Each structure stands twice: as structure tokens, then as C-alpha cells.
């Protein structure tokens, strides 16, 4: 009996809902999604900083 049990997952979700409330959870998930995306970009090397000469001059 591990974390894959449906009852365990329901219990964890209920505790998270009670701790953070319904309005705060979408903000937390958005932040988590951004963090995962940045992590994946950093691993693949797509998010390399631009060189100063590559930036458009204003």
C-alpha cells in the first residue's frame, strides 16, 4: 500500500485544499508549471542568455 492508492491520493488532495483554499491552488499550479518549464528549457539549453549585440537597439 503506497502512494498509488486512490484513497491516499484523495486524502492528500483534501489536505492541500484545506491548507491553501480553492483560490490559491491555481496560482500555485501556475508557478509550478513555470518552474518545470524553466527547468526543462535550462536542461535543453534553449534558454541561453542573449548576447548584447543580439538585442534590438532602441
Protein backbone atom coordinates (compact mmCIF):
# COMPACT_ATOMS: atom_id res chain seq x y z
CA UNK A 1 0.00 0.00 0.00
CA UNK A 2 1.82 3.03 -1.29
CA UNK A 3 1.06 6.45 -2.67
CA UNK A 4 -0.68 4.94 -5.69
CA UNK A 5 -3.76 4.04 -3.66
CA UNK A 6 -6.81 6.10 -4.73
CA UNK A 7 -7.78 6.77 -1.13
CA UNK A 8 -4.31 8.13 -0.33
CA UNK A 9 -4.40 10.48 -3.33
CA UNK A 10 -7.86 11.75 -2.34
CA UNK A 11 -6.69 12.33 1.22
CA UNK A 12 -3.63 14.29 0.04
CA UNK A 13 -5.75 16.43 -2.28
CA UNK A 14 -8.24 17.15 0.52
CA UNK A 15 -5.45 18.23 2.88
CA UNK A 16 -3.95 20.52 0.21
CA UNK A 17 -7.39 22.05 -0.43
CA UNK A 18 -7.89 22.69 3.28
CA UNK A 19 -4.42 24.18 3.71
CA UNK A 20 -4.38 26.55 0.74
CA UNK A 21 -8.03 27.10 -0.15
CA UNK A 22 -9.65 26.99 -3.56
CA UNK A 23 -8.46 30.40 -4.73
CA UNK A 24 -4.77 29.86 -4.04
CA UNK A 25 -4.37 26.46 -5.75
CA UNK A 26 -4.47 27.76 -9.39
CA UNK A 27 -1.73 30.27 -8.53
CA UNK A 28 0.39 27.50 -7.02
CA UNK A 29 -0.08 25.27 -10.07
CA UNK A 30 0.78 28.16 -12.43
CA UNK A 31 4.00 28.79 -10.52
CA UNK A 32 4.83 25.10 -10.52
CA UNK A 33 4.25 24.90 -14.27
CA UNK A 34 6.53 27.88 -14.91
CA UNK A 35 9.23 26.30 -12.76
CA UNK A 36 9.05 22.98 -14.61
CA UNK A 37 9.15 24.77 -17.98
CA UNK A 38 12.20 26.81 -16.97
CA UNK A 39 13.91 23.67 -15.70
CA UNK A 40 13.28 21.82 -18.97
CA UNK A 41 14.46 24.81 -21.02
CA UNK A 42 17.64 25.04 -18.96
CA UNK A 43 18.34 21.34 -19.46
CA UNK A 44 17.91 21.53 -23.23
CA UNK A 45 19.91 24.77 -23.50
CA UNK A 46 17.10 26.71 -25.19
CA UNK A 47 17.08 29.43 -22.56
CA UNK A 48 20.61 30.73 -23.07
CA UNK A 49 21.07 34.41 -22.32
CA UNK A 50 21.13 36.65 -25.37
CA UNK A 51 24.34 38.36 -26.34
CA UNK A 52 24.33 42.16 -26.09
CA UNK A 53 24.72 42.53 -29.88
CA UNK A 54 21.66 40.28 -30.43
CA UNK A 55 19.32 42.64 -28.58
CA UNK A 56 17.48 45.25 -30.68
CA UNK A 57 18.67 48.78 -30.11
CA UNK A 58 16.05 51.34 -29.12
